[in-house]
Amino acid sequence: MFAEPWEADAGPADLVEIARAADRAGFAYVACCDHVAIPRRLADAMSTVWYDPVATLAHLAAVTERVRLLSHVAVVGLRHPLVTAKQYATLDALSGGRLILGVGAGHVREEFEALGGDFERRGAVLDETLDALRAALGEEEFPVHHGKRYDFEGLGQRPRPAQARVPLWVGGSSPAAVRRAALKGDGWLPQGDPRDRLPAQIERIRRLREQAAVQEPFVVGAITEPLYVGAPAWDVGRRTLTGPPEVLAESLRAYPAMGVDQIQVRFRCRSRTELTDQISEFGAEVGPLLKEPPA
């Protein structure tokens, strides 16, 4: 639903150039999603092209300098948490501490069935997996976790993450996902909530964290409408925000005003060059305006 036609033939060189453009333009992170295998019934809608997030983000880490690396989202319930911790701790160490581990429950039943996962209980599995990952990605070489599904102690893993606390951002907009993010995560990655739904979701997160006396910093995310910087010479769709930098910035300031800390943006484009041009223009002309208070 979100891919541009040219992306069907995109490849590794395109990923590298897009990541480098985001790095140069001052974007906070680049992100990659996680699917192991797509069933035929969903192949037309979803495609079967899903780059593995660990391998892809590690590759992009080597060709960038500053931009952070987000899994949006890793379906961590498909793997033992020690396997996930080994992969992502290594990525964090190799990248100099640029990992943000975004996690989600997953939605493709056939993936769970093929890999021996419990699709019906995937929410409960994710809850425990988050606890296990918090231990396994911590500072201890020999992490400890004793749970209903996973139990480990006395097993060492190095390299440790470069970060003292790897950020765990929880994806999803269902009531269970929002509660999971509020109580177990360091951030929330909504699943495309429109602007008018965000304030109530953010207030629920604030209330849940207050009731549970959770004190750690928390990052609220949002996915914006499609964007195009400037006046497009082609039909970019009625939902796309277009216009000069000042107009886009004025519209996007509504997100921090409602309590959003970071936004994901995507640009309508007909080629990689048009995309990287949009990234560069947004970074140079729109981004600085978002850091300034409105007039």
Protein backbone atom coordinates (compact mmCIF):
# COMPACT_ATOMS: atom_id res chain seq x y z
CA MET A 1 0.00 0.00 0.00
CA PHE A 2 2.93 2.35 0.61
CA ALA A 3 5.45 1.32 -2.03
CA GLU A 4 6.08 3.48 -5.09
CA PRO A 5 6.09 1.70 -8.48
CA TRP A 6 9.83 2.21 -9.03
CA GLU A 7 10.62 0.40 -5.77
CA ALA A 8 9.62 -2.96 -7.29
CA ASP A 9 12.98 -2.99 -9.09
CA ALA A 10 15.02 -1.33 -6.33
CA GLY A 11 18.02 -3.13 -4.89
CA PRO A 12 20.95 -2.87 -2.48
CA ALA A 13 22.48 0.17 -4.20
CA ASP A 14 19.22 2.06 -3.73
CA LEU A 15 19.10 1.17 -0.03
CA VAL A 16 22.64 2.49 0.41
CA GLU A 17 22.01 5.77 -1.38
CA ILE A 18 18.76 6.41 0.48
CA ALA A 19 20.40 5.71 3.85
CA ARG A 20 23.33 7.97 2.98
CA ALA A 21 20.94 10.73 1.93
CA ALA A 22 19.09 10.43 5.26
CA ASP A 23 22.42 10.46 7.11
CA ARG A 24 23.60 13.63 5.34
CA ALA A 25 20.25 15.38 5.75
CA GLY A 26 20.17 14.96 9.54
CA PHE A 27 17.36 12.43 9.85
CA ALA A 28 17.18 10.61 13.19
CA TYR A 29 17.01 7.04 11.86
CA VAL A 30 16.40 4.71 8.97
CA ALA A 31 14.13 1.71 9.53
CA CYS A 32 13.63 -1.80 8.22
CA CYS A 33 10.77 -4.25 8.81
CA ASP A 34 10.82 -7.97 9.62
CA HIS A 35 9.10 -10.77 7.72
CA VAL A 36 10.57 -14.24 7.29
CA ALA A 37 8.18 -15.56 4.63
CA ILE A 38 4.94 -14.30 3.06
CA PRO A 39 2.13 -16.75 2.27
CA ARG A 40 0.68 -16.82 -1.22
CA ARG A 41 -2.62 -15.38 -0.03
CA LEU A 42 -0.84 -12.15 0.99
CA ALA A 43 1.90 -12.02 -1.64
CA ASP A 44 0.05 -9.68 -4.02
CA ALA A 45 -0.74 -7.18 -1.28
CA MET A 46 2.48 -7.42 0.73
CA SER A 47 5.05 -8.58 -1.86
CA THR A 48 7.66 -11.13 -0.83
CA VAL A 49 10.52 -8.60 -0.81
CA TRP A 50 11.40 -8.02 2.85
CA TYR A 51 15.07 -7.43 3.61
CA ASP A 52 16.19 -9.04 6.86
CA PRO A 53 16.48 -6.18 9.38
CA VAL A 54 19.64 -7.35 11.15
CA ALA A 55 21.61 -7.94 7.96
CA THR A 56 20.25 -4.82 6.27
CA LEU A 57 20.76 -2.43 9.16
CA ALA A 58 24.27 -3.78 9.73
CA HIS A 59 25.05 -3.17 6.06
CA LEU A 60 23.67 0.36 6.24
CA ALA A 61 25.55 1.02 9.47
CA ALA A 62 28.80 0.42 7.57
CA VAL A 63 27.98 3.04 4.90
CA THR A 64 26.63 5.76 7.21
CA GLU A 65 28.10 7.71 10.10
CA ARG A 66 25.41 9.16 12.35
CA VAL A 67 21.90 8.02 11.50
CA ARG A 68 20.39 5.51 13.93
CA LEU A 69 19.12 2.06 12.94
CA LEU A 70 15.55 1.05 13.79
CA SER A 71 13.81 -2.29 13.36
CA HIS A 72 10.22 -1.30 12.64
CA VAL A 73 9.30 -3.79 13.73
CA ALA A 74 11.12 -7.00 14.64
CA VAL A 75 8.69 -9.85 15.30
CA VAL A 76 10.76 -11.05 18.22
CA GLY A 77 8.23 -13.71 19.28
CA LEU A 78 9.39 -15.80 16.32
CA ARG A 79 12.84 -16.31 17.85
CA HIS A 80 14.36 -17.18 21.20
CA PRO A 81 15.28 -13.93 23.00
CA LEU A 82 18.91 -15.03 23.34
CA VAL A 83 19.11 -15.32 19.55
CA THR A 84 17.53 -11.89 19.12
CA ALA A 85 19.84 -10.42 21.77
CA LYS A 86 22.93 -11.90 20.10
CA GLN A 87 21.96 -10.44 16.72
CA TYR A 88 20.99 -6.97 17.86
CA ALA A 89 23.72 -6.61 20.51
CA THR A 90 26.23 -7.34 17.75
CA LEU A 91 24.56 -4.76 15.52
CA ASP A 92 24.71 -2.17 18.28
CA ALA A 93 28.37 -2.92 18.97
CA LEU A 94 29.33 -2.78 15.30
CA SER A 95 27.43 0.48 14.73
CA GLY A 96 28.83 2.25 17.77
CA GLY A 97 25.55 2.31 19.68
CA ARG A 98 23.09 3.37 16.98
CA LEU A 99 20.45 0.64 17.44
CA ILE A 100 16.80 1.25 18.30
CA LEU A 101 15.07 -2.09 18.71
CA GLY A 102 11.47 -1.75 17.61
CA VAL A 103 9.34 -4.80 18.35
CA GLY A 104 5.84 -5.98 17.55
CA ALA A 105 3.54 -8.96 17.93
CA GLY A 106 3.30 -9.81 14.22
CA HIS A 107 0.20 -10.47 12.13
CA VAL A 108 0.97 -13.25 9.62
CA ARG A 109 -0.33 -16.54 11.01
CA GLU A 110 1.52 -18.71 8.49
CA GLU A 111 4.90 -17.32 9.58
CA PHE A 112 4.25 -18.39 13.15
CA GLU A 113 3.01 -21.82 12.12
CA ALA A 114 6.02 -22.46 9.87
CA LEU A 115 8.51 -21.39 12.55
CA GLY A 116 6.81 -23.09 15.48
CA GLY A 117 5.53 -19.88 17.06
CA ASP A 118 2.28 -19.50 19.00
CA PHE A 119 0.14 -17.16 16.92
CA GLU A 120 -2.84 -17.17 19.28
CA ARG A 121 -0.68 -16.26 22.30
CA ARG A 122 1.73 -13.98 20.48
CA GLY A 123 0.85 -11.01 22.70
CA ALA A 124 1.67 -12.87 25.91
CA VAL A 125 4.83 -14.25 24.31
CA LEU A 126 5.90 -10.73 23.33
CA ASP A 127 5.31 -9.48 26.87
CA GLU A 128 7.71 -12.05 28.30
CA THR A 129 10.13 -11.64 25.41
CA LEU A 130 10.42 -7.95 26.22
CA ASP A 131 11.36 -8.78 29.80
CA ALA A 132 13.90 -11.34 28.59
CA LEU A 133 15.38 -8.91 26.07
CA ARG A 134 15.67 -6.19 28.68
CA ALA A 135 17.87 -8.57 30.65
CA ALA A 136 19.76 -10.02 27.68
CA LEU A 137 20.56 -6.59 26.20
CA GLY A 138 21.60 -5.10 29.52
CA GLU A 139 25.10 -4.61 30.84
CA GLU A 140 25.53 -8.09 32.36
CA GLU A 141 27.61 -10.57 30.40
CA PHE A 142 25.60 -13.41 31.98
CA PRO A 143 21.96 -12.22 31.87
CA VAL A 144 19.27 -13.82 34.01
CA HIS A 145 15.63 -14.40 33.13
CA HIS A 146 13.23 -16.90 34.67
CA GLY A 147 9.82 -16.87 32.98
CA LYS A 148 6.99 -19.14 31.92
CA ARG A 149 8.31 -19.63 28.40
CA TYR A 150 11.99 -18.71 28.58
CA ASP A 151 14.49 -19.56 31.30
CA PHE A 152 18.18 -18.76 31.19
CA GLU A 153 21.02 -18.07 33.59
CA GLY A 154 24.77 -18.63 33.52
CA LEU A 155 25.02 -18.18 29.75
CA GLY A 156 27.37 -15.40 28.66
CA GLN A 157 27.06 -13.31 25.52
CA ARG A 158 29.60 -10.94 24.04
CA PRO A 159 29.91 -8.50 22.42
CA ARG A 160 27.67 -6.49 24.71
CA PRO A 161 25.68 -3.59 23.23
CA ALA A 162 27.58 -0.32 23.03
CA GLN A 163 24.62 1.42 24.68
CA ALA A 164 24.03 0.99 28.39
CA ARG A 165 20.30 0.76 27.64
CA VAL A 166 19.19 -0.23 24.15
CA PRO A 167 15.93 1.63 23.43
CA LEU A 168 12.99 -0.77 23.08
CA TRP A 169 10.15 0.81 21.11
CA VAL A 170 6.88 -1.12 20.90
CA GLY A 171 4.82 -1.04 17.73
CA GLY A 172 1.07 -1.34 17.27
CA SER A 173 -2.10 0.62 17.93
CA SER A 174 -4.42 -1.96 19.49
CA PRO A 175 -5.29 -1.48 23.18
CA ALA A 176 -2.93 -4.34 24.10
CA ALA A 177 -0.07 -2.88 22.05
CA VAL A 178 -0.50 0.59 23.53
CA ARG A 179 -0.54 -0.84 27.04
CA ARG A 180 2.55 -2.93 26.27
CA ALA A 181 4.37 0.13 24.99
CA ALA A 182 3.41 2.19 28.02
CA LEU A 183 4.43 -0.36 30.62
CA LYS A 184 7.31 -2.25 29.01
CA GLY A 185 8.76 0.00 26.33
CA ASP A 186 10.95 3.06 26.00
CA GLY A 187 8.81 4.31 23.14
CA TRP A 188 5.69 3.76 21.05
CA LEU A 189 5.51 3.22 17.29
CA PRO A 190 1.86 3.64 16.27
CA GLN A 191 0.50 1.71 13.33
CA GLY A 192 -0.55 4.66 11.22
CA ASP A 193 -2.98 6.33 13.62
CA PRO A 194 -4.45 9.46 11.98
CA ARG A 195 -3.90 12.78 13.69
CA ASP A 196 -7.30 12.87 15.32
CA ARG A 197 -6.69 9.53 17.11
CA LEU A 198 -3.24 10.33 18.48
CA PRO A 199 -4.13 12.62 21.41
CA ALA A 200 -6.33 9.99 23.07
CA GLN A 201 -3.69 7.28 22.56
CA ILE A 202 -0.97 9.52 23.97
CA GLU A 203 -3.10 10.40 26.98
CA ARG A 204 -3.73 6.70 27.64
CA ILE A 205 -0.01 6.02 27.58
CA ARG A 206 0.63 8.91 29.97
CA ARG A 207 -2.08 7.69 32.34
CA LEU A 208 -0.88 4.05 32.29
CA ARG A 209 2.69 5.06 33.01
CA GLU A 210 1.62 7.39 35.79
CA GLN A 211 -0.52 4.71 37.43
CA ALA A 212 2.36 2.22 37.26
CA ALA A 213 4.86 4.83 38.49
CA VAL A 214 7.11 4.27 35.48
CA GLN A 215 9.77 6.98 35.53
CA GLU A 216 12.08 6.23 32.58
CA PRO A 217 12.08 8.57 29.56
CA PHE A 218 9.57 7.65 26.86
CA VAL A 219 9.45 8.52 23.15
CA VAL A 220 6.11 8.88 21.35
CA GLY A 221 6.18 8.40 17.59
CA ALA A 222 3.83 9.08 14.71
CA ILE A 223 3.68 8.38 10.99
CA THR A 224 2.80 11.48 9.01
CA GLU A 225 0.76 11.82 5.88
CA PRO A 226 2.71 11.39 2.63
CA LEU A 227 4.79 14.49 1.87
CA TYR A 228 6.13 16.36 -1.12
CA VAL A 229 8.36 19.39 -0.63
CA GLY A 230 7.46 22.04 -3.19
CA ALA A 231 4.86 22.04 -5.95
CA PRO A 232 4.64 18.60 -7.58
CA ALA A 233 4.34 18.44 -11.35
CA TRP A 234 2.43 15.16 -11.12
CA ASP A 235 -0.51 13.72 -9.21
CA VAL A 236 0.74 12.86 -5.73
CA GLY A 237 -2.72 12.06 -4.31
CA ARG A 238 -5.14 14.16 -2.32
CA ARG A 239 -3.84 13.03 1.10
CA THR A 240 -0.29 14.17 0.38
CA LEU A 241 0.90 17.30 2.15
CA THR A 242 2.58 19.55 -0.40
CA GLY A 243 3.92 23.07 -0.55
CA PRO A 244 6.90 25.20 0.38
CA PRO A 245 8.92 24.39 3.51
CA GLU A 246 7.06 26.91 5.68
CA VAL A 247 3.69 25.34 4.84
CA LEU A 248 4.86 21.80 5.54
CA ALA A 249 6.53 22.83 8.80
CA GLU A 250 3.40 24.62 9.99
CA SER A 251 1.33 21.50 9.40
CA LEU A 252 3.85 19.12 10.96
CA ARG A 253 4.16 21.25 14.11
CA ALA A 254 0.76 19.85 15.08
CA TYR A 255 2.52 16.61 16.05
CA PRO A 256 4.79 17.95 18.81
CA ALA A 257 1.91 20.12 19.97
CA MET A 258 -0.08 16.97 20.79
CA GLY A 259 2.84 15.27 22.53
CA VAL A 260 4.65 13.46 19.71
CA ASP A 261 8.45 13.30 20.05
CA GLN A 262 9.47 11.88 16.67
CA ILE A 263 7.77 11.57 13.30
CA GLN A 264 8.28 9.17 10.44
CA VAL A 265 8.03 10.81 7.04
CA ARG A 266 7.70 9.32 3.59
CA PHE A 267 7.89 11.20 0.33
CA ARG A 268 5.95 10.63 -2.87
CA CYS A 269 8.49 10.00 -5.61
CA ARG A 270 8.91 8.46 -9.05
CA SER A 271 12.54 7.45 -8.75
CA ARG A 272 15.38 7.06 -6.29
CA THR A 273 16.78 10.42 -7.40
CA GLU A 274 13.49 12.17 -6.70
CA LEU A 275 13.34 10.50 -3.28
CA THR A 276 16.88 11.48 -2.28
CA ASP A 277 16.24 15.01 -3.57
CA GLN A 278 13.13 15.19 -1.38
CA ILE A 279 15.09 13.86 1.61
CA SER A 280 17.80 16.47 1.09
CA GLU A 281 15.35 19.34 0.63
CA PHE A 282 13.33 18.33 3.68
CA GLY A 283 16.48 18.10 5.79
CA ALA A 284 17.79 21.47 4.64
CA GLU A 285 14.57 23.49 4.47
CA VAL A 286 11.83 21.86 6.60
CA GLY A 287 13.75 20.20 9.41
CA PRO A 288 15.28 23.42 10.80
CA LEU A 289 11.82 25.02 10.93
CA LEU A 290 10.53 22.13 13.05
CA LYS A 291 13.22 22.83 15.65
CA GLU A 292 12.06 26.40 16.04
CA PRO A 293 9.00 27.49 18.05
CA PRO A 294 6.14 28.76 15.86
CA ALA A 295 6.04 32.51 15.29
